[in-house]
Amino acid sequence: DGTVRAMFSRVNPMGVRAVAFKAPTDNELAHDYL
């Protein structure tokens, strides 16, 4: 989390997206892991 804040706090947010992968949901588990 600290790396994301440090690297991208001064970057145009229009072209940056952070994704945090948590424990998979039931729907996600019903598909392949990728």
Full PDB file with SEQRES, HELIX, SHEET, SSBOND, CRYST1, ORIGX, SCALE, CONECT and MASTER records, all heavy atoms in Angstrom:
SEQRES   1 A   34  ASP GLY THR VAL ARG ALA MET PHE SER ARG VAL ASN PRO          
SEQRES   2 A   34  MET GLY VAL ARG ALA VAL ALA PHE LYS ALA PRO THR ASP          
SEQRES   3 A   34  ASN GLU LEU ALA HIS ASP TYR LEU                              
HELIX    1 AA1 GLY A    2  PHE A    8  1                                   7    
HELIX    2 AA2 PRO A   13  GLY A   15  5                                   3    
HELIX    3 AA3 ASP A   26  LEU A   29  1                                   4    
CRYST1    1.000    1.000    1.000  90.00  90.00  90.00 P 1           1          
ORIGX1      1.000000  0.000000  0.000000        0.00000                         
ORIGX2      0.000000  1.000000  0.000000        0.00000                         
ORIGX3      0.000000  0.000000  1.000000        0.00000                         
SCALE1      1.000000  0.000000  0.000000        0.00000                         
SCALE2      0.000000  1.000000  0.000000        0.00000                         
SCALE3      0.000000  0.000000  1.000000        0.00000                         
ATOM      1  N   ASP A   1       0.831  -1.208   0.000  1.00  0.00           N  
ATOM      2  CA  ASP A   1       0.000   0.000   0.000  1.00  0.00           C  
ATOM      3  C   ASP A   1       0.864   1.256   0.000  1.00  0.00           C  
ATOM      4  O   ASP A   1       0.589   2.225  -0.729  1.00  0.00           O  
ATOM      5  CB  ASP A   1      -0.916   0.017   1.228  1.00  0.00           C  
ATOM      6  CG  ASP A   1      -1.992  -1.057   1.174  1.00  0.00           C  
ATOM      7  OD1 ASP A   1      -2.213  -1.634   0.095  1.00  0.00           O  
ATOM      8  OD2 ASP A   1      -2.605  -1.324   2.230  1.00  0.00           O  
ATOM      9  N   GLY A   2       1.896   1.268   0.808  1.00  0.00           N  
ATOM     10  CA  GLY A   2       2.776   2.429   0.894  1.00  0.00           C  
ATOM     11  C   GLY A   2       3.478   2.708  -0.420  1.00  0.00           C  
ATOM     12  O   GLY A   2       3.686   3.878  -0.792  1.00  0.00           O  
ATOM     13  N   THR A   3       3.833   1.659  -1.143  1.00  0.00           N  
ATOM     14  CA  THR A   3       4.472   1.839  -2.445  1.00  0.00           C  
ATOM     15  C   THR A   3       3.518   2.507  -3.422  1.00  0.00           C  
ATOM     16  O   THR A   3       3.911   3.427  -4.161  1.00  0.00           O  
ATOM     17  CB  THR A   3       4.920   0.482  -3.003  1.00  0.00           C  
ATOM     18  OG1 THR A   3       5.918  -0.073  -2.135  1.00  0.00           O  
ATOM     19  CG2 THR A   3       5.498   0.631  -4.397  1.00  0.00           C  
ATOM     20  N   VAL A   4       2.267   2.077  -3.436  1.00  0.00           N  
ATOM     21  CA  VAL A   4       1.283   2.674  -4.342  1.00  0.00           C  
ATOM     22  C   VAL A   4       1.121   4.163  -4.027  1.00  0.00           C  
ATOM     23  O   VAL A   4       1.124   5.009  -4.932  1.00  0.00           O  
ATOM     24  CB  VAL A   4      -0.069   1.950  -4.236  1.00  0.00           C  
ATOM     25  CG1 VAL A   4      -1.122   2.659  -5.086  1.00  0.00           C  
ATOM     26  CG2 VAL A   4       0.072   0.497  -4.684  1.00  0.00           C  
ATOM     27  N   ARG A   5       0.999   4.497  -2.753  1.00  0.00           N  
ATOM     28  CA  ARG A   5       0.849   5.916  -2.374  1.00  0.00           C  
ATOM     29  C   ARG A   5       2.070   6.726  -2.792  1.00  0.00           C  
ATOM     30  O   ARG A   5       1.941   7.817  -3.349  1.00  0.00           O  
ATOM     31  CB  ARG A   5       0.635   6.038  -0.864  1.00  0.00           C  
ATOM     32  CG  ARG A   5      -0.735   5.629  -0.379  1.00  0.00           C  
ATOM     33  CD  ARG A   5      -0.974   6.105   1.049  1.00  0.00           C  
ATOM     34  NE  ARG A   5       0.018   5.561   1.959  1.00  0.00           N  
ATOM     35  CZ  ARG A   5      -0.096   4.402   2.609  1.00  0.00           C  
ATOM     36  NH1 ARG A   5      -1.170   3.653   2.395  1.00  0.00           N  
ATOM     37  NH2 ARG A   5       0.828   3.979   3.438  1.00  0.00           N  
ATOM     38  N   ALA A   6       3.245   6.198  -2.532  1.00  0.00           N  
ATOM     39  CA  ALA A   6       4.465   6.940  -2.809  1.00  0.00           C  
ATOM     40  C   ALA A   6       4.690   7.139  -4.303  1.00  0.00           C  
ATOM     41  O   ALA A   6       5.098   8.221  -4.745  1.00  0.00           O  
ATOM     42  CB  ALA A   6       5.661   6.222  -2.188  1.00  0.00           C  
ATOM     43  N   MET A   7       4.442   6.117  -5.098  1.00  0.00           N  
ATOM     44  CA  MET A   7       4.756   6.179  -6.526  1.00  0.00           C  
ATOM     45  C   MET A   7       3.766   7.010  -7.324  1.00  0.00           C  
ATOM     46  O   MET A   7       4.142   7.649  -8.314  1.00  0.00           O  
ATOM     47  CB  MET A   7       4.799   4.759  -7.124  1.00  0.00           C  
ATOM     48  CG  MET A   7       5.956   3.892  -6.679  1.00  0.00           C  
ATOM     49  SD  MET A   7       7.581   4.581  -7.028  1.00  0.00           S  
ATOM     50  CE  MET A   7       8.006   5.152  -5.364  1.00  0.00           C  
ATOM     51  N   PHE A   8       2.500   7.026  -6.918  1.00  0.00           N  
ATOM     52  CA  PHE A   8       1.483   7.554  -7.816  1.00  0.00           C  
ATOM     53  C   PHE A   8       0.685   8.726  -7.259  1.00  0.00           C  
ATOM     54  O   PHE A   8      -0.284   9.157  -7.885  1.00  0.00           O  
ATOM     55  CB  PHE A   8       0.548   6.420  -8.237  1.00  0.00           C  
ATOM     56  CG  PHE A   8       1.281   5.314  -8.947  1.00  0.00           C  
ATOM     57  CD1 PHE A   8       1.592   4.133  -8.292  1.00  0.00           C  
ATOM     58  CD2 PHE A   8       1.697   5.476 -10.255  1.00  0.00           C  
ATOM     59  CE1 PHE A   8       2.290   3.123  -8.936  1.00  0.00           C  
ATOM     60  CE2 PHE A   8       2.398   4.473 -10.910  1.00  0.00           C  
ATOM     61  CZ  PHE A   8       2.695   3.302 -10.254  1.00  0.00           C  
ATOM     62  N   SER A   9       1.088   9.275  -6.125  1.00  0.00           N  
ATOM     63  CA  SER A   9       0.355  10.410  -5.551  1.00  0.00           C  
ATOM     64  C   SER A   9       0.509  11.670  -6.401  1.00  0.00           C  
ATOM     65  O   SER A   9      -0.310  12.584  -6.322  1.00  0.00           O  
ATOM     66  CB  SER A   9       0.834  10.683  -4.123  1.00  0.00           C  
ATOM     67  OG  SER A   9       2.225  10.979  -4.118  1.00  0.00           O  
ATOM     68  N   ARG A  10       1.569  11.717  -7.229  1.00  0.00           N  
ATOM     69  CA  ARG A  10       1.810  12.904  -8.056  1.00  0.00           C  
ATOM     70  C   ARG A  10       1.619  12.616  -9.543  1.00  0.00           C  
ATOM     71  O   ARG A  10       2.051  13.377 -10.401  1.00  0.00           O  
ATOM     72  CB  ARG A  10       3.232  13.415  -7.803  1.00  0.00           C  
ATOM     73  CG  ARG A  10       3.408  13.961  -6.404  1.00  0.00           C  
ATOM     74  CD  ARG A  10       4.810  13.817  -5.858  1.00  0.00           C  
ATOM     75  NE  ARG A  10       5.782  14.674  -6.500  1.00  0.00           N  
ATOM     76  CZ  ARG A  10       7.039  14.838  -6.067  1.00  0.00           C  
ATOM     77  NH1 ARG A  10       7.434  14.195  -4.975  1.00  0.00           N  
ATOM     78  NH2 ARG A  10       7.870  15.625  -6.691  1.00  0.00           N  
ATOM     79  N   VAL A  11       0.969  11.508  -9.847  1.00  0.00           N  
ATOM     80  CA  VAL A  11       0.760  11.103 -11.231  1.00  0.00           C  
ATOM     81  C   VAL A  11      -0.705  11.305 -11.604  1.00  0.00           C  
ATOM     82  O   VAL A  11      -1.599  11.122 -10.767  1.00  0.00           O  
ATOM     83  CB  VAL A  11       1.174   9.627 -11.422  1.00  0.00           C  
ATOM     84  CG1 VAL A  11       0.839   9.130 -12.812  1.00  0.00           C  
ATOM     85  CG2 VAL A  11       2.674   9.465 -11.166  1.00  0.00           C  
ATOM     86  N   ASN A  12      -0.974  11.684 -12.847  1.00  0.00           N  
ATOM     87  CA  ASN A  12      -2.331  11.916 -13.323  1.00  0.00           C  
ATOM     88  C   ASN A  12      -3.189  10.678 -13.079  1.00  0.00           C  
ATOM     89  O   ASN A  12      -2.937   9.623 -13.661  1.00  0.00           O  
ATOM     90  CB  ASN A  12      -2.302  12.255 -14.820  1.00  0.00           C  
ATOM     91  CG  ASN A  12      -3.690  12.543 -15.383  1.00  0.00           C  
ATOM     92  OD1 ASN A  12      -4.698  12.447 -14.685  1.00  0.00           O  
ATOM     93  ND2 ASN A  12      -3.738  12.910 -16.642  1.00  0.00           N  
ATOM     94  N   PRO A  13      -4.209  10.765 -12.230  1.00  0.00           N  
ATOM     95  CA  PRO A  13      -5.014   9.581 -11.901  1.00  0.00           C  
ATOM     96  C   PRO A  13      -5.818   9.040 -13.073  1.00  0.00           C  
ATOM     97  O   PRO A  13      -6.299   7.903 -13.010  1.00  0.00           O  
ATOM     98  CB  PRO A  13      -5.933  10.080 -10.775  1.00  0.00           C  
ATOM     99  CG  PRO A  13      -6.011  11.560 -10.973  1.00  0.00           C  
ATOM    100  CD  PRO A  13      -4.668  11.968 -11.502  1.00  0.00           C  
ATOM    101  N   MET A  14      -5.971   9.824 -14.145  1.00  0.00           N  
ATOM    102  CA  MET A  14      -6.742   9.352 -15.292  1.00  0.00           C  
ATOM    103  C   MET A  14      -6.089   8.136 -15.950  1.00  0.00           C  
ATOM    104  O   MET A  14      -6.775   7.315 -16.559  1.00  0.00           O  
ATOM    105  CB  MET A  14      -6.877  10.481 -16.326  1.00  0.00           C  
ATOM    106  CG  MET A  14      -7.743  11.621 -15.862  1.00  0.00           C  
ATOM    107  SD  MET A  14      -9.465  11.112 -15.580  1.00  0.00           S  
ATOM    108  CE  MET A  14      -9.977  10.722 -17.247  1.00  0.00           C  
ATOM    109  N   GLY A  15      -4.756   8.008 -15.831  1.00  0.00           N  
ATOM    110  CA  GLY A  15      -4.084   6.911 -16.513  1.00  0.00           C  
ATOM    111  C   GLY A  15      -3.492   5.883 -15.582  1.00  0.00           C  
ATOM    112  O   GLY A  15      -2.625   5.098 -15.994  1.00  0.00           O  
ATOM    113  N   VAL A  16      -3.959   5.864 -14.328  1.00  0.00           N  
ATOM    114  CA  VAL A  16      -3.423   4.933 -13.334  1.00  0.00           C  
ATOM    115  C   VAL A  16      -4.577   4.251 -12.617  1.00  0.00           C  
ATOM    116  O   VAL A  16      -5.583   4.891 -12.290  1.00  0.00           O  
ATOM    117  CB  VAL A  16      -2.529   5.665 -12.309  1.00  0.00           C  
ATOM    118  CG1 VAL A  16      -2.080   4.713 -11.220  1.00  0.00           C  
ATOM    119  CG2 VAL A  16      -1.310   6.268 -12.996  1.00  0.00           C  
ATOM    120  N   ARG A  17      -4.432   2.947 -12.368  1.00  0.00           N  
ATOM    121  CA  ARG A  17      -5.476   2.209 -11.655  1.00  0.00           C  
ATOM    122  C   ARG A  17      -4.828   1.179 -10.749  1.00  0.00           C  
ATOM    123  O   ARG A  17      -4.016   0.371 -11.197  1.00  0.00           O  
ATOM    124  CB  ARG A  17      -6.420   1.536 -12.651  1.00  0.00           C  
ATOM    125  CG  ARG A  17      -7.544   0.732 -12.048  1.00  0.00           C  
ATOM    126  CD  ARG A  17      -8.579   0.376 -13.117  1.00  0.00           C  
ATOM    127  NE  ARG A  17      -7.940  -0.222 -14.277  1.00  0.00           N  
ATOM    128  CZ  ARG A  17      -7.708  -1.533 -14.420  1.00  0.00           C  
ATOM    129  NH1 ARG A  17      -8.085  -2.375 -13.466  1.00  0.00           N  
ATOM    130  NH2 ARG A  17      -7.116  -1.998 -15.495  1.00  0.00           N  
ATOM    131  N   ALA A  18      -5.182   1.225  -9.477  1.00  0.00           N  
ATOM    132  CA  ALA A  18      -4.671   0.253  -8.509  1.00  0.00           C  
ATOM    133  C   ALA A  18      -5.751  -0.785  -8.219  1.00  0.00           C  
ATOM    134  O   ALA A  18      -6.929  -0.443  -8.037  1.00  0.00           O  
ATOM    135  CB  ALA A  18      -4.263   0.956  -7.221  1.00  0.00           C  
ATOM    136  N   VAL A  19      -5.335  -2.042  -8.174  1.00  0.00           N  
ATOM    137  CA  VAL A  19      -6.256  -3.158  -7.923  1.00  0.00           C  
ATOM    138  C   VAL A  19      -5.713  -3.975  -6.765  1.00  0.00           C  
ATOM    139  O   VAL A  19      -4.571  -4.443  -6.815  1.00  0.00           O  
ATOM    140  CB  VAL A  19      -6.399  -4.068  -9.164  1.00  0.00           C  
ATOM    141  CG1 VAL A  19      -7.428  -5.171  -8.893  1.00  0.00           C  
ATOM    142  CG2 VAL A  19      -6.760  -3.262 -10.397  1.00  0.00           C  
ATOM    143  N   ALA A  20      -6.504  -4.124  -5.717  1.00  0.00           N  
ATOM    144  CA  ALA A  20      -6.112  -4.939  -4.569  1.00  0.00           C  
ATOM    145  C   ALA A  20      -6.863  -6.261  -4.626  1.00  0.00           C  
ATOM    146  O   ALA A  20      -8.102  -6.279  -4.604  1.00  0.00           O  
ATOM    147  CB  ALA A  20      -6.411  -4.206  -3.269  1.00  0.00           C  
ATOM    148  N   PHE A  21      -6.130  -7.339  -4.720  1.00  0.00           N  
ATOM    149  CA  PHE A  21      -6.760  -8.661  -4.778  1.00  0.00           C  
ATOM    150  C   PHE A  21      -6.894  -9.226  -3.374  1.00  0.00           C  
ATOM    151  O   PHE A  21      -5.895  -9.500  -2.706  1.00  0.00           O  
ATOM    152  CB  PHE A  21      -5.945  -9.596  -5.671  1.00  0.00           C  
ATOM    153  CG  PHE A  21      -6.079  -9.283  -7.134  1.00  0.00           C  
ATOM    154  CD1 PHE A  21      -5.122  -8.518  -7.782  1.00  0.00           C  
ATOM    155  CD2 PHE A  21      -7.170  -9.734  -7.852  1.00  0.00           C  
ATOM    156  CE1 PHE A  21      -5.248  -8.220  -9.126  1.00  0.00           C  
ATOM    157  CE2 PHE A  21      -7.313  -9.433  -9.207  1.00  0.00           C  
ATOM    158  CZ  PHE A  21      -6.347  -8.670  -9.841  1.00  0.00           C  
ATOM    159  N   LYS A  22      -8.131  -9.385  -2.951  1.00  0.00           N  
ATOM    160  CA  LYS A  22      -8.438  -9.956  -1.639  1.00  0.00           C  
ATOM    161  C   LYS A  22      -8.792 -11.439  -1.804  1.00  0.00           C  
ATOM    162  O   LYS A  22      -8.645 -12.010  -2.876  1.00  0.00           O  
ATOM    163  CB  LYS A  22      -9.602  -9.188  -0.998  1.00  0.00           C  
ATOM    164  CG  LYS A  22      -9.380  -7.680  -0.910  1.00  0.00           C  
ATOM    165  CD  LYS A  22      -8.246  -7.320   0.035  1.00  0.00           C  
ATOM    166  CE  LYS A  22      -8.144  -5.809   0.208  1.00  0.00           C  
ATOM    167  NZ  LYS A  22      -7.012  -5.437   1.107  1.00  0.00           N  
ATOM    168  N   ALA A  23      -9.295 -12.032  -0.738  1.00  0.00           N  
ATOM    169  CA  ALA A  23      -9.760 -13.421  -0.837  1.00  0.00           C  
ATOM    170  C   ALA A  23     -10.849 -13.495  -1.905  1.00  0.00           C  
ATOM    171  O   ALA A  23     -11.728 -12.634  -1.971  1.00  0.00           O  
ATOM    172  CB  ALA A  23     -10.303 -13.884   0.501  1.00  0.00           C  
ATOM    173  N   PRO A  24     -10.819 -14.499  -2.784  1.00  0.00           N  
ATOM    174  CA  PRO A  24     -11.792 -14.574  -3.872  1.00  0.00           C  
ATOM    175  C   PRO A  24     -13.216 -14.768  -3.374  1.00  0.00           C  
ATOM    176  O   PRO A  24     -13.457 -15.421  -2.364  1.00  0.00           O  
ATOM    177  CB  PRO A  24     -11.315 -15.786  -4.688  1.00  0.00           C  
ATOM    178  CG  PRO A  24     -10.465 -16.583  -3.753  1.00  0.00           C  
ATOM    179  CD  PRO A  24      -9.833 -15.594  -2.830  1.00  0.00           C  
ATOM    180  N   THR A  25     -14.152 -14.168  -4.107  1.00  0.00           N  
ATOM    181  CA  THR A  25     -15.571 -14.320  -3.801  1.00  0.00           C  
ATOM    182  C   THR A  25     -16.057 -15.678  -4.311  1.00  0.00           C  
ATOM    183  O   THR A  25     -15.356 -16.381  -5.042  1.00  0.00           O  
ATOM    184  CB  THR A  25     -16.389 -13.214  -4.480  1.00  0.00           C  
ATOM    185  OG1 THR A  25     -16.279 -13.376  -5.912  1.00  0.00           O  
ATOM    186  CG2 THR A  25     -15.873 -11.835  -4.096  1.00  0.00           C  
ATOM    187  N   ASP A  26     -17.286 -16.030  -3.938  1.00  0.00           N  
ATOM    188  CA  ASP A  26     -17.859 -17.292  -4.415  1.00  0.00           C  
ATOM    189  C   ASP A  26     -17.931 -17.299  -5.941  1.00  0.00           C  
ATOM    190  O   ASP A  26     -17.669 -18.327  -6.581  1.00  0.00           O  
ATOM    191  CB  ASP A  26     -19.253 -17.499  -3.826  1.00  0.00           C  
ATOM    192  CG  ASP A  26     -19.209 -17.821  -2.336  1.00  0.00           C  
ATOM    193  OD1 ASP A  26     -18.136 -18.214  -1.846  1.00  0.00           O  
ATOM    194  OD2 ASP A  26     -20.252 -17.672  -1.674  1.00  0.00           O  
ATOM    195  N   ASN A  27     -18.293 -16.167  -6.531  1.00  0.00           N  
ATOM    196  CA  ASN A  27     -18.382 -16.091  -7.989  1.00  0.00           C  
ATOM    197  C   ASN A  27     -17.006 -16.272  -8.626  1.00  0.00           C  
ATOM    198  O   ASN A  27     -16.859 -16.963  -9.648  1.00  0.00           O  
ATOM    199  CB  ASN A  27     -18.979 -14.749  -8.415  1.00  0.00           C  
ATOM    200  CG  ASN A  27     -19.177 -14.659  -9.913  1.00  0.00           C  
ATOM    201  OD1 ASN A  27     -19.675 -15.587 -10.552  1.00  0.00           O  
ATOM    202  ND2 ASN A  27     -18.770 -13.532 -10.499  1.00  0.00           N  
ATOM    203  N   GLU A  28     -15.986 -15.667  -8.028  1.00  0.00           N  
ATOM    204  CA  GLU A  28     -14.629 -15.811  -8.559  1.00  0.00           C  
ATOM    205  C   GLU A  28     -14.130 -17.244  -8.419  1.00  0.00           C  
ATOM    206  O   GLU A  28     -13.466 -17.778  -9.309  1.00  0.00           O  
ATOM    207  CB  GLU A  28     -13.699 -14.831  -7.852  1.00  0.00           C  
ATOM    208  CG  GLU A  28     -13.960 -13.379  -8.244  1.00  0.00           C  
ATOM    209  CD  GLU A  28     -13.253 -12.380  -7.348  1.00  0.00           C  
ATOM    210  OE1 GLU A  28     -12.803 -12.771  -6.244  1.00  0.00           O  
ATOM    211  OE2 GLU A  28     -13.155 -11.196  -7.744  1.00  0.00           O  
ATOM    212  N   LEU A  29     -14.474 -17.886  -7.313  1.00  0.00           N  
ATOM    213  CA  LEU A  29     -14.059 -19.277  -7.102  1.00  0.00           C  
ATOM    214  C   LEU A  29     -14.747 -20.234  -8.071  1.00  0.00           C  
ATOM    215  O   LEU A  29     -14.242 -21.332  -8.332  1.00  0.00           O  
ATOM    216  CB  LEU A  29     -14.360 -19.701  -5.659  1.00  0.00           C  
ATOM    217  CG  LEU A  29     -13.440 -19.111  -4.585  1.00  0.00           C  
ATOM    218  CD1 LEU A  29     -13.982 -19.430  -3.203  1.00  0.00           C  
ATOM    219  CD2 LEU A  29     -12.018 -19.643  -4.740  1.00  0.00           C  
ATOM    220  N   ALA A  30     -15.878 -19.806  -8.604  1.00  0.00           N  
ATOM    221  CA  ALA A  30     -16.593 -20.643  -9.559  1.00  0.00           C  
ATOM    222  C   ALA A  30     -15.939 -20.632 -10.941  1.00  0.00           C  
ATOM    223  O   ALA A  30     -16.275 -21.452 -11.800  1.00  0.00           O  
ATOM    224  CB  ALA A  30     -18.049 -20.196  -9.674  1.00  0.00           C  
ATOM    225  N   HIS A  31     -15.009 -19.699 -11.161  1.00  0.00           N  
ATOM    226  CA  HIS A  31     -14.266 -19.617 -12.412  1.00  0.00           C  
ATOM    227  C   HIS A  31     -12.832 -20.101 -12.189  1.00  0.00           C  
ATOM    228  O   HIS A  31     -12.434 -20.417 -11.068  1.00  0.00           O  
ATOM    229  CB  HIS A  31     -14.234 -18.167 -12.911  1.00  0.00           C  
ATOM    230  CG  HIS A  31     -15.555 -17.621 -13.326  1.00  0.00           C  
ATOM    231  ND1 HIS A  31     -16.470 -17.126 -12.420  1.00  0.00           N  
ATOM    232  CD2 HIS A  31     -16.121 -17.474 -14.553  1.00  0.00           C  
ATOM    233  CE1 HIS A  31     -17.554 -16.696 -13.065  1.00  0.00           C  
ATOM    234  NE2 HIS A  31     -17.358 -16.902 -14.357  1.00  0.00           N  
ATOM    235  N   ASP A  32     -12.050 -20.163 -13.266  1.00  0.00           N  
ATOM    236  CA  ASP A  32     -10.637 -20.478 -13.113  1.00  0.00           C  
ATOM    237  C   ASP A  32      -9.957 -19.322 -12.377  1.00  0.00           C  
ATOM    238  O   ASP A  32     -10.444 -18.178 -12.380  1.00  0.00           O  
ATOM    239  CB  ASP A  32      -9.978 -20.712 -14.471  1.00  0.00           C  
ATOM    240  CG  ASP A  32      -9.926 -19.447 -15.321  1.00  0.00           C  
ATOM    241  OD1 ASP A  32      -8.944 -18.693 -15.194  1.00  0.00           O  
ATOM    242  OD2 ASP A  32     -10.878 -19.218 -16.096  1.00  0.00           O  
ATOM    243  N   TYR A  33      -8.816 -19.593 -11.750  1.00  0.00           N  
ATOM    244  CA  TYR A  33      -8.202 -18.611 -10.853  1.00  0.00           C  
ATOM    245  C   TYR A  33      -7.673 -17.372 -11.566  1.00  0.00           C  
ATOM    246  O   TYR A  33      -7.478 -16.325 -10.936  1.00  0.00           O  
ATOM    247  CB  TYR A  33      -7.074 -19.260 -10.039  1.00  0.00           C  
ATOM    248  CG  TYR A  33      -5.854 -19.642 -10.848  1.00  0.00           C  
ATOM    249  CD1 TYR A  33      -4.750 -18.798 -10.914  1.00  0.00           C  
ATOM    250  CD2 TYR A  33      -5.801 -20.848 -11.548  1.00  0.00           C  
ATOM    251  CE1 TYR A  33      -3.631 -19.148 -11.667  1.00  0.00           C  
ATOM    252  CE2 TYR A  33      -4.691 -21.204 -12.279  1.00  0.00           C  
ATOM    253  CZ  TYR A  33      -3.602 -20.356 -12.346  1.00  0.00           C  
ATOM    254  OH  TYR A  33      -2.504 -20.702 -13.089  1.00  0.00           O  
ATOM    255  N   LEU A  34      -7.467 -17.460 -12.892  1.00  0.00           N  
ATOM    256  CA  LEU A  34      -6.994 -16.287 -13.633  1.00  0.00           C  
ATOM    257  C   LEU A  34      -8.137 -15.410 -14.154  1.00  0.00           C  
ATOM    258  O   LEU A  34      -7.888 -14.315 -14.654  1.00  0.00           O  
ATOM    259  CB  LEU A  34      -6.120 -16.727 -14.817  1.00  0.00           C  
ATOM    260  CG  LEU A  34      -4.732 -17.259 -14.452  1.00  0.00           C  
ATOM    261  CD1 LEU A  34      -4.051 -17.855 -15.688  1.00  0.00           C  
ATOM    262  CD2 LEU A  34      -3.866 -16.157 -13.854  1.00  0.00           C  
TER     263      LEU A  34                                                      
MASTER        0    0    0    3    0    0    0    6  262    1    0    3          
END                                                                             
